[in-house]
Amino acid sequence: MPGGSTRPHGSATAATDSTILLVDKDQMVHLLHEQHALSDRFIAHMLARNIRIEEDLIDQLFNSSEKRLARTLLLLARYGMHDKPVRAVPPISQRTLAEMVGTTRSRVNVFMKKFQRLGFIDYTDGLKVNNSLLTVVLHE
């Protein structure tokens, strides 16, 4: 950061088993200058991340909590990713979903029951998301 200041440390919770690699800032700057493929991928990742943050903000401002939950479930199921969508969602509590969506656990519970009744999600063998859930996101 400018002036040598550091960012405050935060915390994160992984939804699945993860491996974390800590790279020193000076080493990362060196790698970005020397490894052009890494630099290209890093910039593409940062641009995609910024787009996602803007989409999340728009989603929070203009969409109902039901639509936000549907969008979150589709993202967790990797709907629309380059590879084949993974229908199964990593184990996640309704409380965590509520925090991600910006609503209460009880509202998430109501919407999940509705999504299950309509066949958008399935709880057999863990939580699975059907592509038909997209209709909730696209519905005006």
N, C-alpha and C. Protein backbone atom coordinates (compact mmCIF):
# COMPACT_ATOMS: atom_id res chain seq x y z
N MET A 1 0.84 -1.18 0.00
CA MET A 1 0.00 0.00 0.00
C MET A 1 0.88 1.24 0.00
N PRO A 2 0.37 2.37 -0.50
CA PRO A 2 1.17 3.59 -0.55
C PRO A 2 1.68 3.98 0.84
N GLY A 3 2.91 4.49 0.89
CA GLY A 3 3.47 4.96 2.14
C GLY A 3 3.90 3.85 3.08
N GLY A 4 3.90 2.62 2.60
CA GLY A 4 4.38 1.51 3.42
C GLY A 4 3.40 1.02 4.47
N SER A 5 2.19 1.53 4.47
CA SER A 5 1.22 1.06 5.46
C SER A 5 0.77 -0.36 5.12
N THR A 6 0.27 -1.05 6.11
CA THR A 6 -0.19 -2.41 5.88
C THR A 6 -1.70 -2.48 6.04
N ARG A 7 -2.26 -3.48 5.44
CA ARG A 7 -3.71 -3.71 5.56
C ARG A 7 -3.98 -4.43 6.86
N PRO A 8 -5.10 -4.13 7.49
CA PRO A 8 -5.45 -4.88 8.70
C PRO A 8 -5.75 -6.33 8.32
N HIS A 9 -5.40 -7.22 9.22
CA HIS A 9 -5.66 -8.64 8.97
C HIS A 9 -7.14 -8.92 9.18
N GLY A 10 -7.67 -9.79 8.37
CA GLY A 10 -9.05 -10.20 8.49
C GLY A 10 -9.10 -11.68 8.78
N SER A 11 -10.27 -12.22 8.67
CA SER A 11 -10.40 -13.66 8.85
C SER A 11 -11.26 -14.20 7.72
N ALA A 12 -11.14 -15.47 7.49
CA ALA A 12 -11.91 -16.13 6.44
C ALA A 12 -12.22 -17.55 6.89
N THR A 13 -13.29 -18.07 6.35
CA THR A 13 -13.66 -19.46 6.60
C THR A 13 -13.83 -20.14 5.26
N ALA A 14 -13.15 -21.25 5.09
CA ALA A 14 -13.23 -22.00 3.83
C ALA A 14 -14.43 -22.94 3.89
N ALA A 15 -15.14 -23.02 2.77
CA ALA A 15 -16.30 -23.91 2.69
C ALA A 15 -15.89 -25.35 2.41
N THR A 16 -14.69 -25.54 1.87
CA THR A 16 -14.17 -26.87 1.58
C THR A 16 -12.71 -26.93 2.04
N ASP A 17 -12.14 -28.12 2.04
CA ASP A 17 -10.72 -28.26 2.37
C ASP A 17 -9.92 -27.37 1.44
N SER A 18 -8.97 -26.63 1.99
CA SER A 18 -8.20 -25.66 1.21
C SER A 18 -6.74 -25.69 1.61
N THR A 19 -5.91 -25.28 0.68
CA THR A 19 -4.50 -25.07 0.95
C THR A 19 -4.22 -23.60 0.70
N ILE A 20 -3.61 -22.95 1.67
CA ILE A 20 -3.33 -21.52 1.58
C ILE A 20 -1.83 -21.32 1.40
N LEU A 21 -1.46 -20.49 0.46
CA LEU A 21 -0.06 -20.16 0.21
C LEU A 21 0.14 -18.68 0.49
N LEU A 22 1.03 -18.36 1.39
CA LEU A 22 1.33 -16.98 1.73
C LEU A 22 2.56 -16.55 0.94
N VAL A 23 2.39 -15.50 0.14
CA VAL A 23 3.50 -14.99 -0.66
C VAL A 23 3.79 -13.57 -0.21
N ASP A 24 5.04 -13.32 0.15
CA ASP A 24 5.49 -12.01 0.57
C ASP A 24 5.25 -11.00 -0.55
N LYS A 25 4.90 -9.77 -0.21
CA LYS A 25 4.58 -8.75 -1.21
C LYS A 25 5.74 -8.53 -2.18
N ASP A 26 6.96 -8.39 -1.67
CA ASP A 26 8.12 -8.15 -2.54
C ASP A 26 8.33 -9.32 -3.50
N GLN A 27 8.15 -10.54 -3.00
CA GLN A 27 8.30 -11.72 -3.86
C GLN A 27 7.20 -11.74 -4.93
N MET A 28 5.96 -11.36 -4.56
CA MET A 28 4.86 -11.35 -5.52
C MET A 28 5.12 -10.31 -6.61
N VAL A 29 5.58 -9.14 -6.24
CA VAL A 29 5.90 -8.10 -7.23
C VAL A 29 6.97 -8.61 -8.19
N HIS A 30 7.99 -9.26 -7.64
CA HIS A 30 9.05 -9.81 -8.48
C HIS A 30 8.49 -10.86 -9.45
N LEU A 31 7.67 -11.77 -8.92
CA LEU A 31 7.08 -12.82 -9.77
C LEU A 31 6.20 -12.23 -10.86
N LEU A 32 5.43 -11.21 -10.54
CA LEU A 32 4.55 -10.59 -11.54
C LEU A 32 5.36 -9.93 -12.65
N HIS A 33 6.53 -9.39 -12.31
CA HIS A 33 7.39 -8.78 -13.34
C HIS A 33 8.09 -9.84 -14.19
N GLU A 34 8.46 -10.95 -13.58
CA GLU A 34 9.25 -11.96 -14.27
C GLU A 34 8.42 -13.03 -14.97
N GLN A 35 7.28 -13.37 -14.43
CA GLN A 35 6.45 -14.45 -14.95
C GLN A 35 5.22 -13.86 -15.64
N HIS A 36 5.31 -13.66 -16.94
CA HIS A 36 4.23 -12.99 -17.66
C HIS A 36 2.92 -13.78 -17.65
N ALA A 37 3.00 -15.09 -17.70
CA ALA A 37 1.78 -15.90 -17.64
C ALA A 37 1.09 -15.73 -16.29
N LEU A 38 1.88 -15.71 -15.22
CA LEU A 38 1.32 -15.48 -13.89
C LEU A 38 0.71 -14.08 -13.81
N SER A 39 1.41 -13.11 -14.35
CA SER A 39 0.91 -11.73 -14.35
C SER A 39 -0.42 -11.63 -15.09
N ASP A 40 -0.52 -12.27 -16.25
CA ASP A 40 -1.77 -12.25 -17.02
C ASP A 40 -2.91 -12.89 -16.24
N ARG A 41 -2.63 -14.04 -15.63
CA ARG A 41 -3.68 -14.74 -14.85
C ARG A 41 -4.08 -13.92 -13.63
N PHE A 42 -3.12 -13.30 -12.98
CA PHE A 42 -3.40 -12.50 -11.78
C PHE A 42 -4.28 -11.30 -12.13
N ILE A 43 -3.95 -10.61 -13.20
CA ILE A 43 -4.75 -9.46 -13.63
C ILE A 43 -6.16 -9.90 -14.02
N ALA A 44 -6.27 -11.00 -14.75
CA ALA A 44 -7.59 -11.52 -15.13
C ALA A 44 -8.40 -11.87 -13.87
N HIS A 45 -7.74 -12.47 -12.89
CA HIS A 45 -8.42 -12.81 -11.64
C HIS A 45 -8.90 -11.55 -10.91
N MET A 46 -8.05 -10.55 -10.84
CA MET A 46 -8.41 -9.31 -10.13
C MET A 46 -9.55 -8.58 -10.84
N LEU A 47 -9.54 -8.58 -12.17
CA LEU A 47 -10.64 -7.96 -12.91
C LEU A 47 -11.94 -8.71 -12.67
N ALA A 48 -11.89 -10.04 -12.71
CA ALA A 48 -13.09 -10.85 -12.46
C ALA A 48 -13.58 -10.63 -11.03
N ARG A 49 -12.66 -10.51 -10.10
CA ARG A 49 -13.03 -10.26 -8.69
C ARG A 49 -13.72 -8.92 -8.55
N ASN A 50 -13.20 -7.89 -9.21
CA ASN A 50 -13.83 -6.57 -9.13
C ASN A 50 -15.23 -6.58 -9.75
N ILE A 51 -15.39 -7.28 -10.86
CA ILE A 51 -16.71 -7.41 -11.49
C ILE A 51 -17.66 -8.10 -10.52
N ARG A 52 -17.19 -9.16 -9.87
CA ARG A 52 -18.03 -9.91 -8.92
C ARG A 52 -18.43 -9.01 -7.75
N ILE A 53 -17.52 -8.18 -7.25
CA ILE A 53 -17.84 -7.27 -6.15
C ILE A 53 -18.92 -6.28 -6.58
N GLU A 54 -18.79 -5.75 -7.79
CA GLU A 54 -19.81 -4.82 -8.31
C GLU A 54 -21.16 -5.53 -8.45
N GLU A 55 -21.14 -6.76 -8.96
CA GLU A 55 -22.38 -7.53 -9.10
C GLU A 55 -23.01 -7.80 -7.74
N ASP A 56 -22.18 -8.12 -6.74
CA ASP A 56 -22.68 -8.35 -5.38
C ASP A 56 -23.34 -7.09 -4.81
N LEU A 57 -22.72 -5.95 -5.05
CA LEU A 57 -23.28 -4.68 -4.56
C LEU A 57 -24.63 -4.39 -5.22
N ILE A 58 -24.69 -4.54 -6.53
CA ILE A 58 -25.94 -4.33 -7.26
C ILE A 58 -27.00 -5.31 -6.77
N ASP A 59 -26.60 -6.57 -6.58
CA ASP A 59 -27.51 -7.60 -6.08
C ASP A 59 -28.07 -7.20 -4.72
N GLN A 60 -27.22 -6.72 -3.83
CA GLN A 60 -27.63 -6.33 -2.48
C GLN A 60 -28.58 -5.13 -2.51
N LEU A 61 -28.33 -4.20 -3.41
CA LEU A 61 -29.14 -2.99 -3.46
C LEU A 61 -30.49 -3.18 -4.13
N PHE A 62 -30.57 -4.03 -5.15
CA PHE A 62 -31.76 -4.06 -5.99
C PHE A 62 -32.55 -5.37 -5.98
N ASN A 63 -32.00 -6.43 -5.42
CA ASN A 63 -32.70 -7.72 -5.48
C ASN A 63 -33.20 -8.15 -4.11
N SER A 64 -34.26 -8.93 -4.12
CA SER A 64 -34.84 -9.47 -2.89
C SER A 64 -33.87 -10.51 -2.29
N SER A 65 -34.07 -10.81 -1.02
CA SER A 65 -33.23 -11.81 -0.37
C SER A 65 -33.43 -13.19 -1.00
N GLU A 66 -34.62 -13.46 -1.53
CA GLU A 66 -34.87 -14.73 -2.21
C GLU A 66 -34.01 -14.85 -3.47
N LYS A 67 -33.94 -13.78 -4.26
CA LYS A 67 -33.09 -13.78 -5.46
C LYS A 67 -31.62 -13.88 -5.09
N ARG A 68 -31.23 -13.17 -4.03
CA ARG A 68 -29.83 -13.22 -3.61
C ARG A 68 -29.44 -14.62 -3.16
N LEU A 69 -30.35 -15.30 -2.48
CA LEU A 69 -30.07 -16.68 -2.06
C LEU A 69 -29.94 -17.59 -3.28
N ALA A 70 -30.85 -17.45 -4.23
CA ALA A 70 -30.79 -18.27 -5.45
C ALA A 70 -29.46 -18.04 -6.17
N ARG A 71 -29.05 -16.78 -6.30
CA ARG A 71 -27.79 -16.45 -6.97
C ARG A 71 -26.60 -17.06 -6.21
N THR A 72 -26.63 -16.96 -4.90
CA THR A 72 -25.55 -17.52 -4.08
C THR A 72 -25.45 -19.03 -4.25
N LEU A 73 -26.59 -19.71 -4.23
CA LEU A 73 -26.59 -21.16 -4.42
C LEU A 73 -26.06 -21.54 -5.79
N LEU A 74 -26.45 -20.79 -6.82
CA LEU A 74 -25.94 -21.07 -8.17
C LEU A 74 -24.43 -20.85 -8.24
N LEU A 75 -23.95 -19.81 -7.60
CA LEU A 75 -22.50 -19.56 -7.58
C LEU A 75 -21.77 -20.67 -6.84
N LEU A 76 -22.32 -21.10 -5.71
CA LEU A 76 -21.69 -22.19 -4.95
C LEU A 76 -21.68 -23.50 -5.74
N ALA A 77 -22.69 -23.68 -6.60
CA ALA A 77 -22.76 -24.88 -7.44
C ALA A 77 -21.99 -24.71 -8.74
N ARG A 78 -21.30 -23.58 -8.86
CA ARG A 78 -20.45 -23.26 -10.01
C ARG A 78 -21.24 -23.16 -11.32
N TYR A 79 -22.50 -22.77 -11.23
CA TYR A 79 -23.31 -22.59 -12.44
C TYR A 79 -22.70 -21.50 -13.30
N GLY A 80 -22.54 -21.76 -14.59
CA GLY A 80 -22.02 -20.77 -15.52
C GLY A 80 -20.51 -20.70 -15.59
N MET A 81 -19.81 -21.55 -14.85
CA MET A 81 -18.35 -21.56 -14.93
C MET A 81 -17.93 -22.23 -16.22
N HIS A 82 -16.66 -22.07 -16.58
CA HIS A 82 -16.17 -22.62 -17.85
C HIS A 82 -16.28 -24.13 -17.90
N ASP A 83 -16.00 -24.79 -16.78
CA ASP A 83 -16.13 -26.24 -16.78
C ASP A 83 -17.58 -26.61 -16.47
N LYS A 84 -17.87 -27.88 -16.49
CA LYS A 84 -19.24 -28.36 -16.24
C LYS A 84 -19.68 -27.95 -14.83
N PRO A 85 -20.89 -27.42 -14.67
CA PRO A 85 -21.34 -27.02 -13.34
C PRO A 85 -21.33 -28.20 -12.36
N VAL A 86 -20.91 -27.91 -11.16
CA VAL A 86 -20.97 -28.90 -10.10
C VAL A 86 -22.30 -28.66 -9.39
N ARG A 87 -23.18 -29.60 -9.46
CA ARG A 87 -24.49 -29.42 -8.87
C ARG A 87 -24.44 -29.43 -7.35
N ALA A 88 -23.53 -30.21 -6.77
CA ALA A 88 -23.46 -30.33 -5.32
C ALA A 88 -22.83 -29.08 -4.73
N VAL A 89 -23.43 -28.59 -3.68
CA VAL A 89 -22.92 -27.43 -2.96
C VAL A 89 -22.11 -27.95 -1.77
N PRO A 90 -20.94 -27.38 -1.50
CA PRO A 90 -20.19 -27.81 -0.32
C PRO A 90 -21.07 -27.67 0.93
N PRO A 91 -20.85 -28.51 1.93
CA PRO A 91 -21.66 -28.40 3.15
C PRO A 91 -21.61 -26.97 3.70
N ILE A 92 -22.78 -26.40 3.91
CA ILE A 92 -22.87 -25.02 4.38
C ILE A 92 -24.14 -24.87 5.21
N SER A 93 -24.03 -24.17 6.30
CA SER A 93 -25.19 -24.01 7.18
C SER A 93 -26.10 -22.90 6.67
N GLN A 94 -27.35 -22.96 7.09
CA GLN A 94 -28.28 -21.89 6.73
C GLN A 94 -27.85 -20.57 7.36
N ARG A 95 -27.21 -20.62 8.50
CA ARG A 95 -26.70 -19.40 9.14
C ARG A 95 -25.63 -18.74 8.26
N THR A 96 -24.73 -19.57 7.72
CA THR A 96 -23.69 -19.03 6.83
C THR A 96 -24.30 -18.48 5.56
N LEU A 97 -25.27 -19.20 4.99
CA LEU A 97 -25.96 -18.69 3.80
C LEU A 97 -26.63 -17.35 4.10
N ALA A 98 -27.24 -17.25 5.27
CA ALA A 98 -27.91 -16.00 5.65
C ALA A 98 -26.90 -14.86 5.73
N GLU A 99 -25.73 -15.11 6.28
CA GLU A 99 -24.69 -14.08 6.35
C GLU A 99 -24.23 -13.67 4.95
N MET A 100 -24.09 -14.66 4.06
CA MET A 100 -23.65 -14.38 2.70
C MET A 100 -24.69 -13.55 1.94
N VAL A 101 -25.97 -13.82 2.20
CA VAL A 101 -27.06 -13.20 1.46
C VAL A 101 -27.47 -11.87 2.09
N GLY A 102 -27.22 -11.73 3.39
CA GLY A 102 -27.62 -10.50 4.08
C GLY A 102 -29.06 -10.57 4.56
N THR A 103 -29.44 -11.71 5.11
CA THR A 103 -30.78 -11.89 5.64
C THR A 103 -30.69 -12.76 6.89
N THR A 104 -31.82 -13.21 7.39
CA THR A 104 -31.83 -14.04 8.59
C THR A 104 -31.85 -15.53 8.23
N ARG A 105 -31.43 -16.36 9.18
CA ARG A 105 -31.45 -17.80 8.97
C ARG A 105 -32.87 -18.29 8.75
N SER A 106 -33.83 -17.71 9.45
CA SER A 106 -35.22 -18.15 9.29
C SER A 106 -35.75 -17.85 7.88
N ARG A 107 -35.36 -16.72 7.30
CA ARG A 107 -35.76 -16.40 5.92
C ARG A 107 -35.12 -17.39 4.95
N VAL A 108 -33.84 -17.71 5.16
CA VAL A 108 -33.17 -18.70 4.32
C VAL A 108 -33.90 -20.03 4.41
N ASN A 109 -34.30 -20.41 5.61
CA ASN A 109 -35.01 -21.68 5.80
C ASN A 109 -36.31 -21.69 4.99
N VAL A 110 -37.07 -20.59 5.03
CA VAL A 110 -38.32 -20.49 4.27
C VAL A 110 -38.05 -20.63 2.77
N PHE A 111 -37.04 -19.92 2.27
CA PHE A 111 -36.73 -19.96 0.84
C PHE A 111 -36.21 -21.34 0.43
N MET A 112 -35.40 -21.97 1.27
CA MET A 112 -34.87 -23.30 0.93
C MET A 112 -36.00 -24.31 0.84
N LYS A 113 -36.96 -24.24 1.76
CA LYS A 113 -38.12 -25.14 1.68
C LYS A 113 -38.91 -24.89 0.40
N LYS A 114 -39.07 -23.62 0.04
CA LYS A 114 -39.78 -23.28 -1.20
C LYS A 114 -39.02 -23.81 -2.41
N PHE A 115 -37.70 -23.59 -2.45
CA PHE A 115 -36.88 -24.08 -3.57
C PHE A 115 -36.96 -25.59 -3.67
N GLN A 116 -36.97 -26.28 -2.53
CA GLN A 116 -37.07 -27.74 -2.54
C GLN A 116 -38.44 -28.18 -3.06
N ARG A 117 -39.49 -27.53 -2.58
CA ARG A 117 -40.86 -27.88 -3.01
C ARG A 117 -41.02 -27.69 -4.52
N LEU A 118 -40.37 -26.66 -5.08
CA LEU A 118 -40.46 -26.37 -6.51
C LEU A 118 -39.48 -27.19 -7.35
N GLY A 119 -38.64 -28.01 -6.70
CA GLY A 119 -37.69 -28.86 -7.42
C GLY A 119 -36.43 -28.14 -7.86
N PHE A 120 -36.17 -26.95 -7.33
CA PHE A 120 -34.96 -26.20 -7.69
C PHE A 120 -33.73 -26.75 -6.99
N ILE A 121 -33.93 -27.32 -5.79
CA ILE A 121 -32.82 -27.92 -5.05
C ILE A 121 -33.26 -29.29 -4.56
N ASP A 122 -32.26 -30.11 -4.21
CA ASP A 122 -32.53 -31.46 -3.74
C ASP A 122 -31.60 -31.75 -2.57
N TYR A 123 -32.15 -32.29 -1.49
CA TYR A 123 -31.35 -32.60 -0.31
C TYR A 123 -30.92 -34.06 -0.24
N THR A 124 -31.25 -34.87 -1.24
CA THR A 124 -30.82 -36.26 -1.25
C THR A 124 -29.31 -36.29 -1.45
N ASP A 125 -28.59 -36.92 -0.53
CA ASP A 125 -27.12 -36.99 -0.63
C ASP A 125 -26.47 -35.61 -0.63
N GLY A 126 -26.80 -34.76 0.29
CA GLY A 126 -26.25 -33.40 0.36
C GLY A 126 -27.09 -32.44 -0.48
N LEU A 127 -26.73 -31.20 -0.45
CA LEU A 127 -27.49 -30.17 -1.19
C LEU A 127 -27.04 -30.14 -2.65
N LYS A 128 -28.00 -30.32 -3.53
CA LYS A 128 -27.73 -30.24 -4.97
C LYS A 128 -28.63 -29.15 -5.56
N VAL A 129 -28.07 -28.38 -6.47
CA VAL A 129 -28.78 -27.27 -7.10
C VAL A 129 -29.10 -27.64 -8.53
N ASN A 130 -30.35 -27.52 -8.91
CA ASN A 130 -30.77 -27.77 -10.29
C ASN A 130 -30.70 -26.47 -11.07
N ASN A 131 -30.38 -26.57 -12.35
CA ASN A 131 -30.27 -25.38 -13.20
C ASN A 131 -31.56 -24.58 -13.24
N SER A 132 -32.70 -25.23 -12.94
CA SER A 132 -33.99 -24.53 -12.95
C SER A 132 -34.04 -23.41 -11.92
N LEU A 133 -33.14 -23.42 -10.92
CA LEU A 133 -33.09 -22.34 -9.92
C LEU A 133 -32.80 -20.99 -10.58
N LEU A 134 -32.19 -21.05 -11.75
CA LEU A 134 -31.89 -19.82 -12.50
C LEU A 134 -33.15 -19.01 -12.78
N THR A 135 -34.30 -19.67 -12.87
CA THR A 135 -35.55 -18.94 -13.15
C THR A 135 -35.87 -17.95 -12.03
N VAL A 136 -35.46 -18.24 -10.80
CA VAL A 136 -35.69 -17.31 -9.68
C VAL A 136 -34.86 -16.05 -9.89
N VAL A 137 -33.64 -16.21 -10.35
CA VAL A 137 -32.74 -15.07 -10.57
C VAL A 137 -33.21 -14.22 -11.75
N LEU A 138 -33.68 -14.88 -12.80
CA LEU A 138 -34.06 -14.16 -14.02
C LEU A 138 -35.47 -13.58 -13.96
N HIS A 139 -36.29 -14.08 -13.03
CA HIS A 139 -37.68 -13.63 -12.94
C HIS A 139 -37.74 -12.20 -12.40
N GLU A 140 -38.48 -11.36 -13.10
CA GLU A 140 -38.65 -9.97 -12.66
C GLU A 140 -39.69 -9.98 -11.61
